[in-house]
Each structure stands twice: as C-alpha cells, then as structure tokens.
Amino acid sequence: MNARSIRNKVEVLEAQLEIGKYDVVGITETWLQAGQGWELNIQGYTSYLKDRQVGRGGGVALLVRNEIQSIARGDIETGDVESVWIELRNCKGKKYPNGTNWT
C-alpha cells in the first residue's frame, strides 16, 4: 500500500484490515518522520516502522497480525534504502524473512 501519509488514513486502513484479514501488510510513503513520537497502533497487529530521517515523504511500515510470531531484523536493513525487515516464524519454528522498502 502506498499511503502518501498514513496519519490521515488510519481509519481506512483499519477498515481494510478488518475486511481483508491480512496476515502481513507492507506500507510505503508513510510520511512519518523521526523524532515525531507518532506510532502506528492498529488493534490486532504489531507495527514495525522505519521513519524518514530527513526531508518530507518516505517512510515504510510492516503490520503483522498478532497471532503470527515476528521479530524485527534491523541487522539486514541497509542505510542506502528506507526499509524495514522482520522475521516471521510458523508453528513449526521455520523462519521467513519479510520486508518492505522505499528508495
């Protein structure tokens, strides 16, 4: 999803998540910026954010349904691209990397 500023679209996003019952959602162009202290709190989902450090626009996020085990994987993110990476685990413990980025 390319949000072009998620702040004013949270209610729409929540409605889409309720209808679609998505497990993982990637969002680009969140337009959230470092130091603003704004979080993306969606009931039933864990949020992983990478805010734009300088300037306007950019920013990425991943939302993962709470029933799915997930952890942040900052070790595989690069400084060249705005990206957020996570690791998903299934009930057998198998690991799956997942990410989204914006250049």
PDB file of N, CA and C in Angstrom:
ATOM      1  N   MET A   1       0.846  -1.177   0.000  1.00  0.00           N
ATOM      2  CA  MET A   1       0.000   0.000   0.000  1.00  0.00           C
ATOM      3  C   MET A   1       0.888   1.235   0.000  1.00  0.00           C
ATOM      4  N   ASN A   2       0.663   2.143  -0.902  1.00  0.00           N
ATOM      5  CA  ASN A   2       1.348   3.429  -0.913  1.00  0.00           C
ATOM      6  C   ASN A   2       0.398   4.431  -0.263  1.00  0.00           C
ATOM      7  N   ALA A   3       0.717   4.816   0.962  1.00  0.00           N
ATOM      8  CA  ALA A   3      -0.218   5.602   1.764  1.00  0.00           C
ATOM      9  C   ALA A   3      -0.215   7.097   1.443  1.00  0.00           C
ATOM     10  N   ARG A   4       0.925   7.635   1.019  1.00  0.00           N
ATOM     11  CA  ARG A   4       1.052   9.088   0.860  1.00  0.00           C
ATOM     12  C   ARG A   4       0.514   9.808   2.079  1.00  0.00           C
ATOM     13  N   SER A   5       1.052   9.455   3.225  1.00  0.00           N
ATOM     14  CA  SER A   5       0.741   9.954   4.560  1.00  0.00           C
ATOM     15  C   SER A   5      -0.325   9.085   5.228  1.00  0.00           C
ATOM     16  N   ILE A   6       0.131   8.263   6.122  1.00  0.00           N
ATOM     17  CA  ILE A   6      -0.751   7.315   6.818  1.00  0.00           C
ATOM     18  C   ILE A   6      -1.547   7.982   7.945  1.00  0.00           C
ATOM     19  N   ARG A   7      -1.075   9.114   8.434  1.00  0.00           N
ATOM     20  CA  ARG A   7      -1.731   9.758   9.578  1.00  0.00           C
ATOM     21  C   ARG A   7      -3.221  10.006   9.366  1.00  0.00           C
ATOM     22  N   ASN A   8      -3.592  10.451   8.190  1.00  0.00           N
ATOM     23  CA  ASN A   8      -4.999  10.764   7.941  1.00  0.00           C
ATOM     24  C   ASN A   8      -5.751   9.601   7.291  1.00  0.00           C
ATOM     25  N   LYS A   9      -5.128   8.417   7.271  1.00  0.00           N
ATOM     26  CA  LYS A   9      -5.770   7.259   6.642  1.00  0.00           C
ATOM     27  C   LYS A   9      -5.860   6.051   7.566  1.00  0.00           C
ATOM     28  N   VAL A  10      -5.635   6.259   8.850  1.00  0.00           N
ATOM     29  CA  VAL A  10      -5.627   5.137   9.795  1.00  0.00           C
ATOM     30  C   VAL A  10      -6.988   4.449   9.845  1.00  0.00           C
ATOM     31  N   GLU A  11      -8.073   5.213   9.847  1.00  0.00           N
ATOM     32  CA  GLU A  11      -9.404   4.597   9.898  1.00  0.00           C
ATOM     33  C   GLU A  11      -9.689   3.763   8.650  1.00  0.00           C
ATOM     34  N   VAL A  12      -9.263   4.241   7.502  1.00  0.00           N
ATOM     35  CA  VAL A  12      -9.438   3.490   6.251  1.00  0.00           C
ATOM     36  C   VAL A  12      -8.611   2.212   6.305  1.00  0.00           C
ATOM     37  N   LEU A  13      -7.371   2.319   6.774  1.00  0.00           N
ATOM     38  CA  LEU A  13      -6.507   1.152   6.905  1.00  0.00           C
ATOM     39  C   LEU A  13      -7.119   0.120   7.852  1.00  0.00           C
ATOM     40  N   GLU A  14      -7.610   0.573   8.987  1.00  0.00           N
ATOM     41  CA  GLU A  14      -8.236  -0.349   9.946  1.00  0.00           C
ATOM     42  C   GLU A  14      -9.421  -1.072   9.322  1.00  0.00           C
ATOM     43  N   ALA A  15     -10.236  -0.371   8.557  1.00  0.00           N
ATOM     44  CA  ALA A  15     -11.392  -0.987   7.898  1.00  0.00           C
ATOM     45  C   ALA A  15     -10.941  -2.024   6.869  1.00  0.00           C
ATOM     46  N   GLN A  16      -9.898  -1.698   6.092  1.00  0.00           N
ATOM     47  CA  GLN A  16      -9.392  -2.646   5.098  1.00  0.00           C
ATOM     48  C   GLN A  16      -8.822  -3.893   5.767  1.00  0.00           C
ATOM     49  N   LEU A  17      -8.138  -3.713   6.883  1.00  0.00           N
ATOM     50  CA  LEU A  17      -7.576  -4.859   7.605  1.00  0.00           C
ATOM     51  C   LEU A  17      -8.682  -5.741   8.177  1.00  0.00           C
ATOM     52  N   GLU A  18      -9.747  -5.132   8.637  1.00  0.00           N
ATOM     53  CA  GLU A  18     -10.869  -5.896   9.192  1.00  0.00           C
ATOM     54  C   GLU A  18     -11.554  -6.718   8.102  1.00  0.00           C
ATOM     55  N   ILE A  19     -11.724  -6.129   6.953  1.00  0.00           N
ATOM     56  CA  ILE A  19     -12.383  -6.819   5.841  1.00  0.00           C
ATOM     57  C   ILE A  19     -11.481  -7.908   5.259  1.00  0.00           C
ATOM     58  N   GLY A  20     -10.210  -7.560   5.031  1.00  0.00           N
ATOM     59  CA  GLY A  20      -9.298  -8.466   4.345  1.00  0.00           C
ATOM     60  C   GLY A  20      -8.671  -9.530   5.214  1.00  0.00           C
ATOM     61  N   LYS A  21      -8.630  -9.310   6.532  1.00  0.00           N
ATOM     62  CA  LYS A  21      -8.000 -10.265   7.449  1.00  0.00           C
ATOM     63  C   LYS A  21      -6.580 -10.625   7.000  1.00  0.00           C
ATOM     64  N   TYR A  22      -5.798  -9.624   6.607  1.00  0.00           N
ATOM     65  CA  TYR A  22      -4.449  -9.843   6.111  1.00  0.00           C
ATOM     66  C   TYR A  22      -3.511 -10.264   7.238  1.00  0.00           C
ATOM     67  N   ASP A  23      -2.550 -11.116   6.909  1.00  0.00           N
ATOM     68  CA  ASP A  23      -1.551 -11.539   7.883  1.00  0.00           C
ATOM     69  C   ASP A  23      -0.414 -10.536   7.980  1.00  0.00           C
ATOM     70  N   VAL A  24       0.070 -10.066   6.832  1.00  0.00           N
ATOM     71  CA  VAL A  24       1.173  -9.109   6.777  1.00  0.00           C
ATOM     72  C   VAL A  24       0.833  -8.039   5.750  1.00  0.00           C
ATOM     73  N   VAL A  25       1.063  -6.776   6.116  1.00  0.00           N
ATOM     74  CA  VAL A  25       0.794  -5.658   5.216  1.00  0.00           C
ATOM     75  C   VAL A  25       2.022  -4.757   5.174  1.00  0.00           C
ATOM     76  N   GLY A  26       2.493  -4.462   3.968  1.00  0.00           N
ATOM     77  CA  GLY A  26       3.587  -3.513   3.781  1.00  0.00           C
ATOM     78  C   GLY A  26       3.040  -2.172   3.353  1.00  0.00           C
ATOM     79  N   ILE A  27       3.570  -1.111   3.933  1.00  0.00           N
ATOM     80  CA  ILE A  27       3.103   0.243   3.615  1.00  0.00           C
ATOM     81  C   ILE A  27       4.315   1.102   3.266  1.00  0.00           C
ATOM     82  N   THR A  28       4.249   1.785   2.126  1.00  0.00           N
ATOM     83  CA  THR A  28       5.285   2.742   1.757  1.00  0.00           C
ATOM     84  C   THR A  28       4.712   4.145   1.808  1.00  0.00           C
ATOM     85  N   GLU A  29       5.612   5.124   1.822  1.00  0.00           N
ATOM     86  CA  GLU A  29       5.209   6.529   1.877  1.00  0.00           C
ATOM     87  C   GLU A  29       4.328   6.815   3.093  1.00  0.00           C
ATOM     88  N   THR A  30       4.768   6.370   4.268  1.00  0.00           N
ATOM     89  CA  THR A  30       4.007   6.656   5.492  1.00  0.00           C
ATOM     90  C   THR A  30       4.054   8.140   5.833  1.00  0.00           C
ATOM     91  N   TRP A  31       5.095   8.803   5.399  1.00  0.00           N
ATOM     92  CA  TRP A  31       5.361  10.210   5.666  1.00  0.00           C
ATOM     93  C   TRP A  31       5.551  10.480   7.151  1.00  0.00           C
ATOM     94  N   LEU A  32       5.881   9.447   7.920  1.00  0.00           N
ATOM     95  CA  LEU A  32       6.226   9.649   9.324  1.00  0.00           C
ATOM     96  C   LEU A  32       7.705   9.994   9.392  1.00  0.00           C
ATOM     97  N   GLN A  33       8.053  10.889  10.303  1.00  0.00           N
ATOM     98  CA  GLN A  33       9.434  11.341  10.373  1.00  0.00           C
ATOM     99  C   GLN A  33      10.008  11.090  11.756  1.00  0.00           C
ATOM    100  N   ALA A  34      11.299  10.818  11.786  1.00  0.00           N
ATOM    101  CA  ALA A  34      11.999  10.504  13.028  1.00  0.00           C
ATOM    102  C   ALA A  34      11.804  11.613  14.055  1.00  0.00           C
ATOM    103  N   GLY A  35      11.624  11.214  15.289  1.00  0.00           N
ATOM    104  CA  GLY A  35      11.515  12.168  16.376  1.00  0.00           C
ATOM    105  C   GLY A  35      10.130  12.730  16.604  1.00  0.00           C
ATOM    106  N   GLN A  36       9.154  12.358  15.793  1.00  0.00           N
ATOM    107  CA  GLN A  36       7.799  12.883  15.976  1.00  0.00           C
ATOM    108  C   GLN A  36       7.046  12.140  17.071  1.00  0.00           C
ATOM    109  N   GLY A  37       7.523  10.952  17.437  1.00  0.00           N
ATOM    110  CA  GLY A  37       6.878  10.201  18.502  1.00  0.00           C
ATOM    111  C   GLY A  37       5.518   9.641  18.129  1.00  0.00           C
ATOM    112  N   TRP A  38       5.250   9.541  16.850  1.00  0.00           N
ATOM    113  CA  TRP A  38       3.964   9.027  16.396  1.00  0.00           C
ATOM    114  C   TRP A  38       4.112   7.558  16.075  1.00  0.00           C
ATOM    115  N   GLU A  39       3.194   6.757  16.555  1.00  0.00           N
ATOM    116  CA  GLU A  39       3.242   5.321  16.302  1.00  0.00           C
ATOM    117  C   GLU A  39       1.996   4.882  15.561  1.00  0.00           C
ATOM    118  N   LEU A  40       2.130   3.770  14.875  1.00  0.00           N
ATOM    119  CA  LEU A  40       1.018   3.195  14.140  1.00  0.00           C
ATOM    120  C   LEU A  40       0.475   2.045  14.971  1.00  0.00           C
ATOM    121  N   ASN A  41      -0.554   2.319  15.754  1.00  0.00           N
ATOM    122  CA  ASN A  41      -1.148   1.316  16.639  1.00  0.00           C
ATOM    123  C   ASN A  41      -2.467   0.841  16.053  1.00  0.00           C
ATOM    124  N   ILE A  42      -2.433  -0.339  15.475  1.00  0.00           N
ATOM    125  CA  ILE A  42      -3.621  -0.939  14.879  1.00  0.00           C
ATOM    126  C   ILE A  42      -3.974  -2.168  15.706  1.00  0.00           C
ATOM    127  N   GLN A  43      -5.175  -2.201  16.234  1.00  0.00           N
ATOM    128  CA  GLN A  43      -5.591  -3.318  17.079  1.00  0.00           C
ATOM    129  C   GLN A  43      -5.462  -4.640  16.321  1.00  0.00           C
ATOM    130  N   GLY A  44      -4.816  -5.616  16.968  1.00  0.00           N
ATOM    131  CA  GLY A  44      -4.650  -6.934  16.383  1.00  0.00           C
ATOM    132  C   GLY A  44      -3.388  -7.093  15.558  1.00  0.00           C
ATOM    133  N   TYR A  45      -2.596  -6.010  15.441  1.00  0.00           N
ATOM    134  CA  TYR A  45      -1.377  -6.040  14.628  1.00  0.00           C
ATOM    135  C   TYR A  45      -0.190  -5.467  15.392  1.00  0.00           C
ATOM    136  N   THR A  46       0.987  -6.020  15.101  1.00  0.00           N
ATOM    137  CA  THR A  46       2.243  -5.464  15.583  1.00  0.00           C
ATOM    138  C   THR A  46       2.817  -4.611  14.463  1.00  0.00           C
ATOM    139  N   SER A  47       3.272  -3.412  14.799  1.00  0.00           N
ATOM    140  CA  SER A  47       3.794  -2.480  13.802  1.00  0.00           C
ATOM    141  C   SER A  47       5.313  -2.405  13.864  1.00  0.00           C
ATOM    142  N   TYR A  48       5.918  -2.411  12.700  1.00  0.00           N
ATOM    143  CA  TYR A  48       7.352  -2.195  12.552  1.00  0.00           C
ATOM    144  C   TYR A  48       7.531  -1.012  11.616  1.00  0.00           C
ATOM    145  N   LEU A  49       8.192   0.039  12.100  1.00  0.00           N
ATOM    146  CA  LEU A  49       8.286   1.279  11.342  1.00  0.00           C
ATOM    147  C   LEU A  49       9.727   1.666  11.065  1.00  0.00           C
ATOM    148  N   LYS A  50       9.932   2.311   9.937  1.00  0.00           N
ATOM    149  CA  LYS A  50      11.198   2.977   9.626  1.00  0.00           C
ATOM    150  C   LYS A  50      10.805   4.342   9.099  1.00  0.00           C
ATOM    151  N   ASP A  51      11.012   5.365   9.922  1.00  0.00           N
ATOM    152  CA  ASP A  51      10.608   6.717   9.563  1.00  0.00           C
ATOM    153  C   ASP A  51      11.652   7.392   8.686  1.00  0.00           C
ATOM    154  N   ARG A  52      11.209   8.365   7.915  1.00  0.00           N
ATOM    155  CA  ARG A  52      12.103   9.196   7.118  1.00  0.00           C
ATOM    156  C   ARG A  52      12.980   9.988   8.086  1.00  0.00           C
ATOM    157  N   GLN A  53      14.274   9.972   7.858  1.00  0.00           N
ATOM    158  CA  GLN A  53      15.213  10.664   8.745  1.00  0.00           C
ATOM    159  C   GLN A  53      15.335  12.156   8.429  1.00  0.00           C
ATOM    160  N   VAL A  54      15.311  12.501   7.148  1.00  0.00           N
ATOM    161  CA  VAL A  54      15.486  13.886   6.729  1.00  0.00           C
ATOM    162  C   VAL A  54      14.526  14.167   5.575  1.00  0.00           C
ATOM    163  N   GLY A  55      13.907  15.326   5.603  1.00  0.00           N
ATOM    164  CA  GLY A  55      13.059  15.728   4.487  1.00  0.00           C
ATOM    165  C   GLY A  55      11.631  15.217   4.600  1.00  0.00           C
ATOM    166  N   ARG A  56      10.872  15.466   3.549  1.00  0.00           N
ATOM    167  CA  ARG A  56       9.454  15.124   3.527  1.00  0.00           C
ATOM    168  C   ARG A  56       9.221  13.836   2.734  1.00  0.00           C
ATOM    169  N   GLY A  57       8.135  13.148   3.043  1.00  0.00           N
ATOM    170  CA  GLY A  57       7.769  11.935   2.316  1.00  0.00           C
ATOM    171  C   GLY A  57       8.477  10.726   2.883  1.00  0.00           C
ATOM    172  N   GLY A  58       8.473   9.650   2.118  1.00  0.00           N
ATOM    173  CA  GLY A  58       9.162   8.424   2.501  1.00  0.00           C
ATOM    174  C   GLY A  58       8.576   7.755   3.723  1.00  0.00           C
ATOM    175  N   GLY A  59       9.356   6.854   4.294  1.00  0.00           N
ATOM    176  CA  GLY A  59       8.926   6.084   5.451  1.00  0.00           C
ATOM    177  C   GLY A  59       8.230   4.804   5.030  1.00  0.00           C
ATOM    178  N   VAL A  60       8.503   3.727   5.758  1.00  0.00           N
ATOM    179  CA  VAL A  60       7.893   2.430   5.465  1.00  0.00           C
ATOM    180  C   VAL A  60       7.423   1.771   6.749  1.00  0.00           C
ATOM    181  N   ALA A  61       6.509   0.831   6.601  1.00  0.00           N
ATOM    182  CA  ALA A  61       5.984   0.106   7.756  1.00  0.00           C
ATOM    183  C   ALA A  61       5.562  -1.297   7.349  1.00  0.00           C
ATOM    184  N   LEU A  62       5.629  -2.193   8.294  1.00  0.00           N
ATOM    185  CA  LEU A  62       5.058  -3.531   8.146  1.00  0.00           C
ATOM    186  C   LEU A  62       4.118  -3.748   9.312  1.00  0.00           C
ATOM    187  N   LEU A  63       2.960  -4.295   9.023  1.00  0.00           N
ATOM    188  CA  LEU A  63       1.997  -4.683  10.053  1.00  0.00           C
ATOM    189  C   LEU A  63       1.863  -6.199  10.009  1.00  0.00           C
ATOM    190  N   VAL A  64       1.959  -6.830  11.175  1.00  0.00           N
ATOM    191  CA  VAL A  64       1.875  -8.283  11.254  1.00  0.00           C
ATOM    192  C   VAL A  64       0.785  -8.653  12.246  1.00  0.00           C
ATOM    193  N   ARG A  65      -0.114  -9.526  11.818  1.00  0.00           N
ATOM    194  CA  ARG A  65      -1.187  -9.992  12.696  1.00  0.00           C
ATOM    195  C   ARG A  65      -0.567 -10.563  13.975  1.00  0.00           C
ATOM    196  N   ASN A  66      -1.120 -10.202  15.124  1.00  0.00           N
ATOM    197  CA  ASN A  66      -0.561 -10.598  16.420  1.00  0.00           C
ATOM    198  C   ASN A  66      -0.422 -12.105  16.600  1.00  0.00           C
ATOM    199  N   GLU A  67      -1.233 -12.892  15.939  1.00  0.00           N
ATOM    200  CA  GLU A  67      -1.174 -14.345  16.086  1.00  0.00           C
ATOM    201  C   GLU A  67       0.065 -14.951  15.426  1.00  0.00           C
ATOM    202  N   ILE A  68       0.770 -14.155  14.633  1.00  0.00           N
ATOM    203  CA  ILE A  68       1.960 -14.632  13.922  1.00  0.00           C
ATOM    204  C   ILE A  68       3.195 -14.150  14.673  1.00  0.00           C
ATOM    205  N   GLN A  69       4.083 -15.082  14.995  1.00  0.00           N
ATOM    206  CA  GLN A  69       5.323 -14.719  15.667  1.00  0.00           C
ATOM    207  C   GLN A  69       6.175 -13.885  14.723  1.00  0.00           C
ATOM    208  N   SER A  70       6.661 -12.740  15.208  1.00  0.00           N
ATOM    209  CA  SER A  70       7.503 -11.888  14.379  1.00  0.00           C
ATOM    210  C   SER A  70       8.494 -11.134  15.246  1.00  0.00           C
ATOM    211  N   ILE A  71       9.667 -10.887  14.685  1.00  0.00           N
ATOM    212  CA  ILE A  71      10.675 -10.072  15.361  1.00  0.00           C
ATOM    213  C   ILE A  71      11.310  -9.135  14.336  1.00  0.00           C
ATOM    214  N   ALA A  72      11.773  -7.979  14.808  1.00  0.00           N
ATOM    215  CA  ALA A  72      12.460  -7.021  13.948  1.00  0.00           C
ATOM    216  C   ALA A  72      13.820  -7.569  13.553  1.00  0.00           C
ATOM    217  N   ARG A  73      14.227  -7.302  12.315  1.00  0.00           N
ATOM    218  CA  ARG A  73      15.534  -7.733  11.813  1.00  0.00           C
ATOM    219  C   ARG A  73      16.304  -6.531  11.273  1.00  0.00           C
ATOM    220  N   GLY A  74      16.634  -5.624  12.159  1.00  0.00           N
ATOM    221  CA  GLY A  74      17.400  -4.448  11.772  1.00  0.00           C
ATOM    222  C   GLY A  74      18.764  -4.785  11.207  1.00  0.00           C
ATOM    223  N   ASP A  75      19.261  -5.985  11.513  1.00  0.00           N
ATOM    224  CA  ASP A  75      20.587  -6.390  11.044  1.00  0.00           C
ATOM    225  C   ASP A  75      20.646  -6.617   9.534  1.00  0.00           C
ATOM    226  N   ILE A  76      19.504  -6.758   8.875  1.00  0.00           N
ATOM    227  CA  ILE A  76      19.544  -6.953   7.428  1.00  0.00           C
ATOM    228  C   ILE A  76      19.039  -5.728   6.669  1.00  0.00           C
ATOM    229  N   GLU A  77      18.803  -4.629   7.391  1.00  0.00           N
ATOM    230  CA  GLU A  77      18.441  -3.377   6.742  1.00  0.00           C
ATOM    231  C   GLU A  77      19.717  -2.677   6.287  1.00  0.00           C
ATOM    232  N   THR A  78      19.603  -1.909   5.207  1.00  0.00           N
ATOM    233  CA  THR A  78      20.755  -1.153   4.716  1.00  0.00           C
ATOM    234  C   THR A  78      20.499   0.331   4.888  1.00  0.00           C
ATOM    235  N   GLY A  79      21.556   1.093   4.958  1.00  0.00           N
ATOM    236  CA  GLY A  79      21.416   2.536   5.089  1.00  0.00           C
ATOM    237  C   GLY A  79      21.096   3.223   3.782  1.00  0.00           C
ATOM    238  N   ASP A  80      21.242   2.508   2.663  1.00  0.00           N
ATOM    239  CA  ASP A  80      21.027   3.101   1.344  1.00  0.00           C
ATOM    240  C   ASP A  80      19.555   3.283   1.004  1.00  0.00           C
ATOM    241  N   VAL A  81      18.700   2.515   1.637  1.00  0.00           N
ATOM    242  CA  VAL A  81      17.283   2.483   1.291  1.00  0.00           C
ATOM    243  C   VAL A  81      16.469   2.529   2.583  1.00  0.00           C
ATOM    244  N   GLU A  82      15.334   3.221   2.549  1.00  0.00           N
ATOM    245  CA  GLU A  82      14.420   3.129   3.689  1.00  0.00           C
ATOM    246  C   GLU A  82      13.780   1.753   3.635  1.00  0.00           C
ATOM    247  N   SER A  83      14.058   0.946   4.639  1.00  0.00           N
ATOM    248  CA  SER A  83      13.496  -0.408   4.637  1.00  0.00           C
ATOM    249  C   SER A  83      13.247  -0.862   6.064  1.00  0.00           C
ATOM    250  N   VAL A  84      12.318  -1.781   6.182  1.00  0.00           N
ATOM    251  CA  VAL A  84      12.073  -2.437   7.464  1.00  0.00           C
ATOM    252  C   VAL A  84      11.961  -3.928   7.170  1.00  0.00           C
ATOM    253  N   TRP A  85      12.709  -4.718   7.950  1.00  0.00           N
ATOM    254  CA  TRP A  85      12.735  -6.163   7.769  1.00  0.00           C
ATOM    255  C   TRP A  85      12.349  -6.856   9.063  1.00  0.00           C
ATOM    256  N   ILE A  86      11.626  -7.943   8.909  1.00  0.00           N
ATOM    257  CA  ILE A  86      11.205  -8.744  10.053  1.00  0.00           C
ATOM    258  C   ILE A  86      11.447 -10.215   9.738  1.00  0.00           C
ATOM    259  N   GLU A  87      11.295 -11.012  10.759  1.00  0.00           N
ATOM    260  CA  GLU A  87      11.356 -12.463  10.587  1.00  0.00           C
ATOM    261  C   GLU A  87      10.060 -13.039  11.131  1.00  0.00           C
ATOM    262  N   LEU A  88       9.393 -13.811  10.310  1.00  0.00           N
ATOM    263  CA  LEU A  88       8.169 -14.485  10.708  1.00  0.00           C
ATOM    264  C   LEU A  88       8.514 -15.928  11.041  1.00  0.00           C
ATOM    265  N   ARG A  89       7.809 -16.514  12.006  1.00  0.00           N
ATOM    266  CA  ARG A  89       8.008 -17.925  12.339  1.00  0.00           C
ATOM    267  C   ARG A  89       6.666 -18.636  12.335  1.00  0.00           C
ATOM    268  N   ASN A  90       6.666 -19.815  11.701  1.00  0.00           N
ATOM    269  CA  ASN A  90       5.427 -20.592  11.703  1.00  0.00           C
ATOM    270  C   ASN A  90       5.378 -21.478  12.945  1.00  0.00           C
ATOM    271  N   CYS A  91       4.335 -22.257  13.079  1.00  0.00           N
ATOM    272  CA  CYS A  91       4.144 -23.073  14.278  1.00  0.00           C
ATOM    273  C   CYS A  91       5.212 -24.161  14.439  1.00  0.00           C
ATOM    274  N   LYS A  92       5.927 -24.477  13.362  1.00  0.00           N
ATOM    275  CA  LYS A  92       6.994 -25.476  13.422  1.00  0.00           C
ATOM    276  C   LYS A  92       8.362 -24.838  13.647  1.00  0.00           C
ATOM    277  N   GLY A  93       8.383 -23.512  13.787  1.00  0.00           N
ATOM    278  CA  GLY A  93       9.621 -22.806  14.044  1.00  0.00           C
ATOM    279  C   GLY A  93      10.392 -22.399  12.804  1.00  0.00           C
ATOM    280  N   LYS A  94       9.856 -22.673  11.622  1.00  0.00           N
ATOM    281  CA  LYS A  94      10.533 -22.271  10.390  1.00  0.00           C
ATOM    282  C   LYS A  94      10.493 -20.749  10.266  1.00  0.00           C
ATOM    283  N   LYS A  95      11.624 -20.169   9.860  1.00  0.00           N
ATOM    284  CA  LYS A  95      11.775 -18.723   9.784  1.00  0.00           C
ATOM    285  C   LYS A  95      11.603 -18.231   8.355  1.00  0.00           C
ATOM    286  N   TYR A  96      10.911 -17.086   8.216  1.00  0.00           N
ATOM    287  CA  TYR A  96      10.689 -16.471   6.913  1.00  0.00           C
ATOM    288  C   TYR A  96      10.986 -14.976   7.006  1.00  0.00           C
ATOM    289  N   PRO A  97      11.998 -14.493   6.277  1.00  0.00           N
ATOM    290  CA  PRO A  97      12.224 -13.050   6.271  1.00  0.00           C
ATOM    291  C   PRO A  97      11.166 -12.349   5.428  1.00  0.00           C
ATOM    292  N   ASN A  98      10.832 -11.137   5.812  1.00  0.00           N
ATOM    293  CA  ASN A  98       9.846 -10.356   5.088  1.00  0.00           C
ATOM    294  C   ASN A  98      10.223  -8.893   5.254  1.00  0.00           C
ATOM    295  N   GLY A  99      10.077  -8.115   4.201  1.00  0.00           N
ATOM    296  CA  GLY A  99      10.437  -6.714   4.304  1.00  0.00           C
ATOM    297  C   GLY A  99       9.738  -5.857   3.286  1.00  0.00           C
ATOM    298  N   THR A 100       9.868  -4.554   3.476  1.00  0.00           N
ATOM    299  CA  THR A 100       9.385  -3.591   2.512  1.00  0.00           C
ATOM    300  C   THR A 100      10.382  -2.450   2.475  1.00  0.00           C
ATOM    301  N   ASN A 101      10.492  -1.799   1.316  1.00  0.00           N
ATOM    302  CA  ASN A 101      11.439  -0.692   1.224  1.00  0.00           C
ATOM    303  C   ASN A 101      10.925   0.387   0.293  1.00  0.00           C
ATOM    304  N   TRP A 102      11.588   1.530   0.392  1.00  0.00           N
ATOM    305  CA  TRP A 102      11.257   2.678  -0.440  1.00  0.00           C
ATOM    306  C   TRP A 102      12.551   3.399  -0.747  1.00  0.00           C
ATOM    307  N   THR A 103      12.770   3.707  -2.003  1.00  0.00           N
ATOM    308  CA  THR A 103      14.014   4.407  -2.366  1.00  0.00           C
ATOM    309  C   THR A 103      13.747   5.817  -2.815  1.00  0.00           C
TER     310      THR A 103
END
